[in-house]
Amino acid sequence: MFPLRLRVSAAGCALVLGASAALLSSSTAVAASSKPVVREGPVRQATSSAGAADASVGPFTEPGFAADCTWHEFGEGEQPPWWLTFADPLCVEYSKRDITVDDGGALRFLVAEPSRFAIAMVTCHYYQKDHWSVQSTHGATPWVAWDGQYWWDKAARRAGARLTNFRIDGHTVGIGDAVAALEPDFPDVARALSDYGRAAGETGLTVSLPYDLRCALAG
């Protein structure tokens, strides 16, 4: 039980450090914006804006194309059809709750994952929701479980990820747990972290992406 608690604590620390790094990046961006502005000529401004993007790390938000999603839902171990490779936006939802060792569920999951990755690589606008549970046998407490949301918009050069109900051996782990623990003694830190997760087992953020010429031209 002691090693398990160490693993849970380590995971929680990693999540807190991740959010702290996000806050540090945001603070650096704000500090940088306070420096004197050097005026550029029209030509240089056009060149700079073509490759410019929001480089900050921020709280999780829904993607701008979410309202245009047609959702494709897939069950345990189900592989998506190849023609979805050409969908844009591509919005999928996977059930991954039967990643179970003793009934072949884990093997079915492993067989299905390559095709799931493959259809996602081409699209410029991708949004995935999934529901995970990894356990030794049916009825056992999952080793790890969570509900996930992940998206990217290569044209806008942004991506986001959010985990909710994240549990390790039944214990919630996330920024939301850190917020609850810090609130009584460090309310300011808790308030800052709460942008990245409020509920138990919740952690979410958005980040910038590298420039993608194909998606930039496609819009």
C-alpha atoms as a PDB file:
ATOM      1  CA  MET A   1       0.000   0.000   0.000  1.00  0.00           C
ATOM      2  CA  PHE A   2       2.935   2.324   0.795  1.00  0.00           C
ATOM      3  CA  PRO A   3       4.403   2.136  -2.748  1.00  0.00           C
ATOM      4  CA  LEU A   4       0.924   2.858  -4.149  1.00  0.00           C
ATOM      5  CA  ARG A   5       0.618   5.995  -2.029  1.00  0.00           C
ATOM      6  CA  LEU A   6       4.020   7.084  -3.244  1.00  0.00           C
ATOM      7  CA  ARG A   7       2.878   6.651  -6.851  1.00  0.00           C
ATOM      8  CA  VAL A   8      -0.315   8.617  -6.197  1.00  0.00           C
ATOM      9  CA  SER A   9       1.648  11.376  -4.484  1.00  0.00           C
ATOM     10  CA  ALA A  10       4.168  11.471  -7.308  1.00  0.00           C
ATOM     11  CA  ALA A  11       1.414  11.748  -9.906  1.00  0.00           C
ATOM     12  CA  GLY A  12      -0.242  14.534  -7.965  1.00  0.00           C
ATOM     13  CA  CYS A  13       3.043  16.416  -7.668  1.00  0.00           C
ATOM     14  CA  ALA A  14       3.652  16.060 -11.389  1.00  0.00           C
ATOM     15  CA  LEU A  15       0.250  17.553 -12.169  1.00  0.00           C
ATOM     16  CA  VAL A  16       0.805  20.449  -9.758  1.00  0.00           C
ATOM     17  CA  LEU A  17       4.243  21.136 -11.251  1.00  0.00           C
ATOM     18  CA  GLY A  18       2.731  21.085 -14.730  1.00  0.00           C
ATOM     19  CA  ALA A  19       0.155  23.700 -13.825  1.00  0.00           C
ATOM     20  CA  SER A  20       2.781  25.777 -12.027  1.00  0.00           C
ATOM     21  CA  ALA A  21       4.886  25.727 -15.183  1.00  0.00           C
ATOM     22  CA  ALA A  22       1.838  26.878 -17.117  1.00  0.00           C
ATOM     23  CA  LEU A  23       1.325  29.777 -14.742  1.00  0.00           C
ATOM     24  CA  LEU A  24       4.998  30.695 -14.966  1.00  0.00           C
ATOM     25  CA  SER A  25       4.814  30.732 -18.763  1.00  0.00           C
ATOM     26  CA  SER A  26       1.738  32.956 -18.660  1.00  0.00           C
ATOM     27  CA  SER A  27       3.420  35.326 -16.214  1.00  0.00           C
ATOM     28  CA  THR A  28       6.480  35.521 -18.442  1.00  0.00           C
ATOM     29  CA  ALA A  29       4.291  36.369 -21.421  1.00  0.00           C
ATOM     30  CA  VAL A  30       2.608  39.166 -19.466  1.00  0.00           C
ATOM     31  CA  ALA A  31       5.969  40.514 -18.331  1.00  0.00           C
ATOM     32  CA  ALA A  32       7.255  40.451 -21.874  1.00  0.00           C
ATOM     33  CA  SER A  33       4.247  42.423 -23.099  1.00  0.00           C
ATOM     34  CA  SER A  34       5.119  45.239 -20.677  1.00  0.00           C
ATOM     35  CA  LYS A  35       8.435  45.949 -22.458  1.00  0.00           C
ATOM     36  CA  PRO A  36       8.686  49.012 -24.771  1.00  0.00           C
ATOM     37  CA  VAL A  37       7.123  48.387 -28.171  1.00  0.00           C
ATOM     38  CA  VAL A  38       9.334  48.873 -31.216  1.00  0.00           C
ATOM     39  CA  ARG A  39       7.355  50.041 -34.245  1.00  0.00           C
ATOM     40  CA  GLU A  40       7.896  47.990 -37.391  1.00  0.00           C
ATOM     41  CA  GLY A  41       7.414  48.920 -41.020  1.00  0.00           C
ATOM     42  CA  PRO A  42       4.439  47.491 -42.943  1.00  0.00           C
ATOM     43  CA  VAL A  43       6.517  44.817 -44.716  1.00  0.00           C
ATOM     44  CA  ARG A  44       8.071  43.503 -41.542  1.00  0.00           C
ATOM     45  CA  GLN A  45       4.710  43.577 -39.742  1.00  0.00           C
ATOM     46  CA  ALA A  46       3.134  41.410 -42.452  1.00  0.00           C
ATOM     47  CA  THR A  47       6.031  38.939 -42.308  1.00  0.00           C
ATOM     48  CA  SER A  48       5.891  38.711 -38.532  1.00  0.00           C
ATOM     49  CA  SER A  49       2.120  38.294 -38.345  1.00  0.00           C
ATOM     50  CA  ALA A  50       2.191  35.428 -40.866  1.00  0.00           C
ATOM     51  CA  GLY A  51       4.148  33.286 -38.426  1.00  0.00           C
ATOM     52  CA  ALA A  52       2.779  34.710 -35.198  1.00  0.00           C
ATOM     53  CA  ALA A  53       0.822  32.633 -32.709  1.00  0.00           C
ATOM     54  CA  ASP A  54      -0.250  32.773 -29.100  1.00  0.00           C
ATOM     55  CA  ALA A  55       2.666  31.051 -27.368  1.00  0.00           C
ATOM     56  CA  SER A  56       1.059  31.119 -23.924  1.00  0.00           C
ATOM     57  CA  VAL A  57      -0.207  28.231 -21.848  1.00  0.00           C
ATOM     58  CA  GLY A  58      -3.729  28.768 -20.609  1.00  0.00           C
ATOM     59  CA  PRO A  59      -6.775  27.097 -19.066  1.00  0.00           C
ATOM     60  CA  PHE A  60      -8.700  24.523 -21.062  1.00  0.00           C
ATOM     61  CA  THR A  61     -11.329  25.845 -23.467  1.00  0.00           C
ATOM     62  CA  GLU A  62     -13.465  24.238 -26.117  1.00  0.00           C
ATOM     63  CA  PRO A  63     -12.027  24.590 -29.641  1.00  0.00           C
ATOM     64  CA  GLY A  64     -13.480  27.241 -31.925  1.00  0.00           C
ATOM     65  CA  PHE A  65     -14.704  24.576 -34.349  1.00  0.00           C
ATOM     66  CA  ALA A  66     -16.584  22.524 -31.726  1.00  0.00           C
ATOM     67  CA  ALA A  67     -19.968  23.745 -32.973  1.00  0.00           C
ATOM     68  CA  ASP A  68     -19.164  22.296 -36.419  1.00  0.00           C
ATOM     69  CA  CYS A  69     -18.424  18.789 -35.096  1.00  0.00           C
ATOM     70  CA  THR A  70     -20.251  15.730 -36.349  1.00  0.00           C
ATOM     71  CA  TRP A  71     -19.460  13.163 -33.667  1.00  0.00           C
ATOM     72  CA  HIS A  72     -18.437   9.614 -34.581  1.00  0.00           C
ATOM     73  CA  GLU A  73     -18.761   7.211 -31.620  1.00  0.00           C
ATOM     74  CA  PHE A  74     -16.900   3.896 -31.313  1.00  0.00           C
ATOM     75  CA  GLY A  75     -17.230   1.069 -28.804  1.00  0.00           C
ATOM     76  CA  GLU A  76     -14.646  -1.089 -27.062  1.00  0.00           C
ATOM     77  CA  GLY A  77     -11.894  -2.143 -29.480  1.00  0.00           C
ATOM     78  CA  GLU A  78     -13.801  -0.763 -32.469  1.00  0.00           C
ATOM     79  CA  GLN A  79     -11.663   0.564 -35.306  1.00  0.00           C
ATOM     80  CA  PRO A  80     -12.797   3.676 -37.199  1.00  0.00           C
ATOM     81  CA  PRO A  81     -13.283   3.473 -40.994  1.00  0.00           C
ATOM     82  CA  TRP A  82     -10.396   4.679 -43.159  1.00  0.00           C
ATOM     83  CA  TRP A  83     -12.468   7.356 -44.900  1.00  0.00           C
ATOM     84  CA  LEU A  84     -12.608   9.419 -41.703  1.00  0.00           C
ATOM     85  CA  THR A  85      -9.002  10.327 -42.489  1.00  0.00           C
ATOM     86  CA  PHE A  86     -10.415  12.981 -44.838  1.00  0.00           C
ATOM     87  CA  ALA A  87     -12.925  14.496 -42.390  1.00  0.00           C
ATOM     88  CA  ASP A  88     -12.158  18.035 -41.242  1.00  0.00           C
ATOM     89  CA  PRO A  89     -13.067  18.752 -38.567  1.00  0.00           C
ATOM     90  CA  LEU A  90     -12.749  15.193 -37.295  1.00  0.00           C
ATOM     91  CA  CYS A  91     -14.566  14.617 -34.009  1.00  0.00           C
ATOM     92  CA  VAL A  92     -14.539  11.162 -32.404  1.00  0.00           C
ATOM     93  CA  GLU A  93     -15.513   9.568 -29.110  1.00  0.00           C
ATOM     94  CA  TYR A  94     -14.036   6.269 -27.946  1.00  0.00           C
ATOM     95  CA  SER A  95     -15.063   3.907 -25.172  1.00  0.00           C
ATOM     96  CA  LYS A  96     -11.933   2.450 -23.552  1.00  0.00           C
ATOM     97  CA  ARG A  97     -13.411   1.165 -20.303  1.00  0.00           C
ATOM     98  CA  ASP A  98     -12.668  -2.518 -20.980  1.00  0.00           C
ATOM     99  CA  ILE A  99      -8.866  -2.406 -20.929  1.00  0.00           C
ATOM    100  CA  THR A 100      -8.966  -5.570 -18.846  1.00  0.00           C
ATOM    101  CA  VAL A 101      -6.123  -8.064 -18.560  1.00  0.00           C
ATOM    102  CA  ASP A 102      -7.970 -11.348 -18.083  1.00  0.00           C
ATOM    103  CA  ASP A 103     -10.709 -11.128 -20.753  1.00  0.00           C
ATOM    104  CA  GLY A 104      -8.783  -9.928 -23.814  1.00  0.00           C
ATOM    105  CA  GLY A 105     -10.042  -6.356 -23.518  1.00  0.00           C
ATOM    106  CA  ALA A 106      -6.509  -5.004 -23.231  1.00  0.00           C
ATOM    107  CA  LEU A 107      -5.476  -6.848 -26.395  1.00  0.00           C
ATOM    108  CA  ARG A 108      -8.491  -5.535 -28.334  1.00  0.00           C
ATOM    109  CA  PHE A 109      -7.595  -2.029 -27.221  1.00  0.00           C
ATOM    110  CA  LEU A 110      -4.006  -2.403 -28.444  1.00  0.00           C
ATOM    111  CA  VAL A 111      -5.138  -3.737 -31.818  1.00  0.00           C
ATOM    112  CA  ALA A 112      -7.540  -0.833 -32.372  1.00  0.00           C
ATOM    113  CA  GLU A 113      -5.248   2.043 -31.330  1.00  0.00           C
ATOM    114  CA  PRO A 114      -2.998   2.227 -34.451  1.00  0.00           C
ATOM    115  CA  SER A 115      -5.937   2.892 -36.791  1.00  0.00           C
ATOM    116  CA  ARG A 116      -7.335   5.442 -34.342  1.00  0.00           C
ATOM    117  CA  PHE A 117      -4.045   7.324 -34.387  1.00  0.00           C
ATOM    118  CA  ALA A 118      -3.725   7.020 -38.164  1.00  0.00           C
ATOM    119  CA  ILE A 119      -7.012   8.759 -39.012  1.00  0.00           C
ATOM    120  CA  ALA A 120      -6.130  11.690 -36.747  1.00  0.00           C
ATOM    121  CA  MET A 121      -2.785  12.610 -38.252  1.00  0.00           C
ATOM    122  CA  VAL A 122      -3.944  14.314 -41.459  1.00  0.00           C
ATOM    123  CA  THR A 123      -6.797  16.537 -40.277  1.00  0.00           C
ATOM    124  CA  CYS A 124      -6.166  20.156 -39.340  1.00  0.00           C
ATOM    125  CA  HIS A 125      -9.025  20.238 -36.825  1.00  0.00           C
ATOM    126  CA  TYR A 126      -9.313  17.282 -34.444  1.00  0.00           C
ATOM    127  CA  TYR A 127     -11.369  16.724 -31.307  1.00  0.00           C
ATOM    128  CA  GLN A 128     -11.401  13.466 -29.346  1.00  0.00           C
ATOM    129  CA  LYS A 129     -13.309  12.452 -26.249  1.00  0.00           C
ATOM    130  CA  ASP A 130     -12.653   9.130 -24.555  1.00  0.00           C
ATOM    131  CA  HIS A 131     -13.398   7.182 -21.401  1.00  0.00           C
ATOM    132  CA  TRP A 132     -10.619   5.038 -19.897  1.00  0.00           C
ATOM    133  CA  SER A 133     -10.527   2.280 -17.330  1.00  0.00           C
ATOM    134  CA  VAL A 134      -7.599  -0.109 -16.888  1.00  0.00           C
ATOM    135  CA  GLN A 135      -8.028  -3.043 -14.523  1.00  0.00           C
ATOM    136  CA  SER A 136      -6.913  -6.607 -13.912  1.00  0.00           C
ATOM    137  CA  THR A 137     -10.414  -8.153 -14.032  1.00  0.00           C
ATOM    138  CA  HIS A 138     -14.050  -7.075 -14.219  1.00  0.00           C
ATOM    139  CA  GLY A 139     -15.293  -5.740 -10.911  1.00  0.00           C
ATOM    140  CA  ALA A 140     -11.817  -4.874  -9.629  1.00  0.00           C
ATOM    141  CA  THR A 141     -10.875  -1.323  -8.677  1.00  0.00           C
ATOM    142  CA  PRO A 142      -9.279   0.185 -11.805  1.00  0.00           C
ATOM    143  CA  TRP A 143      -5.558   0.787 -11.672  1.00  0.00           C
ATOM    144  CA  VAL A 144      -6.217   4.035 -13.506  1.00  0.00           C
ATOM    145  CA  ALA A 145      -9.362   5.614 -14.971  1.00  0.00           C
ATOM    146  CA  TRP A 146     -10.380   8.958 -16.445  1.00  0.00           C
ATOM    147  CA  ASP A 147     -12.544  10.822 -18.958  1.00  0.00           C
ATOM    148  CA  GLY A 148     -10.536  12.778 -21.511  1.00  0.00           C
ATOM    149  CA  GLN A 149     -10.954  15.590 -24.016  1.00  0.00           C
ATOM    150  CA  TYR A 150      -8.174  16.423 -26.480  1.00  0.00           C
ATOM    151  CA  TRP A 151      -8.213  18.724 -29.486  1.00  0.00           C
ATOM    152  CA  TRP A 152      -5.987  20.582 -31.879  1.00  0.00           C
ATOM    153  CA  ASP A 153      -6.520  23.365 -34.369  1.00  0.00           C
ATOM    154  CA  LYS A 154      -3.390  23.462 -36.523  1.00  0.00           C
ATOM    155  CA  ALA A 155      -4.655  26.465 -38.472  1.00  0.00           C
ATOM    156  CA  ALA A 156      -4.999  28.494 -35.264  1.00  0.00           C
ATOM    157  CA  ARG A 157      -1.867  26.825 -33.808  1.00  0.00           C
ATOM    158  CA  ARG A 158      -3.583  25.830 -30.555  1.00  0.00           C
ATOM    159  CA  ALA A 159      -4.306  22.561 -28.770  1.00  0.00           C
ATOM    160  CA  GLY A 160      -6.046  21.603 -25.553  1.00  0.00           C
ATOM    161  CA  ALA A 161      -6.375  18.659 -23.197  1.00  0.00           C
ATOM    162  CA  ARG A 162      -8.570  18.051 -20.180  1.00  0.00           C
ATOM    163  CA  LEU A 163      -8.806  15.062 -17.847  1.00  0.00           C
ATOM    164  CA  THR A 164     -11.732  14.666 -15.457  1.00  0.00           C
ATOM    165  CA  ASN A 165     -12.471  12.001 -12.847  1.00  0.00           C
ATOM    166  CA  PHE A 166      -8.813  10.977 -12.989  1.00  0.00           C
ATOM    167  CA  ARG A 167      -8.232   8.216 -10.429  1.00  0.00           C
ATOM    168  CA  ILE A 168      -5.314   6.005  -9.491  1.00  0.00           C
ATOM    169  CA  ASP A 169      -6.404   2.931  -7.548  1.00  0.00           C
ATOM    170  CA  GLY A 170      -9.621   4.736  -6.648  1.00  0.00           C
ATOM    171  CA  HIS A 171      -7.944   7.960  -5.473  1.00  0.00           C
ATOM    172  CA  THR A 172      -8.579  11.190  -7.381  1.00  0.00           C
ATOM    173  CA  VAL A 173      -5.472  12.976  -8.637  1.00  0.00           C
ATOM    174  CA  GLY A 174      -5.457  16.348 -10.383  1.00  0.00           C
ATOM    175  CA  ILE A 175      -5.042  20.089 -10.116  1.00  0.00           C
ATOM    176  CA  GLY A 176      -8.514  20.205  -8.588  1.00  0.00           C
ATOM    177  CA  ASP A 177      -7.256  18.075  -5.681  1.00  0.00           C
ATOM    178  CA  ALA A 178      -4.283  20.400  -5.205  1.00  0.00           C
ATOM    179  CA  VAL A 179      -6.624  23.400  -5.160  1.00  0.00           C
ATOM    180  CA  ALA A 180      -8.725  21.830  -2.410  1.00  0.00           C
ATOM    181  CA  ALA A 181      -5.614  21.027  -0.361  1.00  0.00           C
ATOM    182  CA  LEU A 182      -4.080  24.492  -0.765  1.00  0.00           C
ATOM    183  CA  GLU A 183      -7.216  26.584  -0.312  1.00  0.00           C
ATOM    184  CA  PRO A 184      -7.180  26.790   3.532  1.00  0.00           C
ATOM    185  CA  ASP A 185      -3.571  27.992   3.864  1.00  0.00           C
ATOM    186  CA  PHE A 186      -2.626  29.349   0.432  1.00  0.00           C
ATOM    187  CA  PRO A 187      -5.801  30.795  -1.081  1.00  0.00           C
ATOM    188  CA  ASP A 188      -3.974  32.937  -3.669  1.00  0.00           C
ATOM    189  CA  VAL A 189      -2.068  29.940  -5.053  1.00  0.00           C
ATOM    190  CA  ALA A 190      -5.251  27.865  -5.024  1.00  0.00           C
ATOM    191  CA  ARG A 191      -7.119  30.607  -6.883  1.00  0.00           C
ATOM    192  CA  ALA A 192      -4.433  30.752  -9.587  1.00  0.00           C
ATOM    193  CA  LEU A 193      -4.334  26.987 -10.003  1.00  0.00           C
ATOM    194  CA  SER A 194      -8.128  26.710 -10.122  1.00  0.00           C
ATOM    195  CA  ASP A 195      -8.103  27.957 -13.728  1.00  0.00           C
ATOM    196  CA  TYR A 196      -6.475  24.612 -14.598  1.00  0.00           C
ATOM    197  CA  GLY A 197      -8.817  22.398 -12.584  1.00  0.00           C
ATOM    198  CA  ARG A 198     -11.483  22.834  -9.934  1.00  0.00           C
ATOM    199  CA  ALA A 199     -13.135  19.462  -9.395  1.00  0.00           C
ATOM    200  CA  ALA A 200     -11.453  16.440  -7.825  1.00  0.00           C
ATOM    201  CA  GLY A 201      -9.491  14.580 -10.487  1.00  0.00           C
ATOM    202  CA  GLU A 202      -9.602  17.474 -12.969  1.00  0.00           C
ATOM    203  CA  THR A 203      -6.663  18.956 -14.901  1.00  0.00           C
ATOM    204  CA  GLY A 204      -6.861  20.942 -18.144  1.00  0.00           C
ATOM    205  CA  LEU A 205      -4.861  23.386 -20.250  1.00  0.00           C
ATOM    206  CA  THR A 206      -4.261  24.757 -23.735  1.00  0.00           C
ATOM    207  CA  VAL A 207      -0.893  25.204 -25.468  1.00  0.00           C
ATOM    208  CA  SER A 208       0.512  26.571 -28.715  1.00  0.00           C
ATOM    209  CA  LEU A 209       1.433  24.448 -31.750  1.00  0.00           C
ATOM    210  CA  PRO A 210       4.181  24.803 -34.371  1.00  0.00           C
ATOM    211  CA  TYR A 211       3.339  26.485 -37.653  1.00  0.00           C
ATOM    212  CA  ASP A 212       1.713  24.160 -40.203  1.00  0.00           C
ATOM    213  CA  LEU A 213       1.774  25.594 -43.725  1.00  0.00           C
ATOM    214  CA  ARG A 214      -0.813  23.189 -45.157  1.00  0.00           C
ATOM    215  CA  CYS A 215      -3.378  23.926 -42.451  1.00  0.00           C
ATOM    216  CA  ALA A 216      -2.603  27.646 -42.483  1.00  0.00           C
ATOM    217  CA  LEU A 217      -3.405  27.791 -46.195  1.00  0.00           C
ATOM    218  CA  ALA A 218      -6.522  25.642 -45.769  1.00  0.00           C
ATOM    219  CA  GLY A 219      -7.776  27.846 -42.940  1.00  0.00           C
END
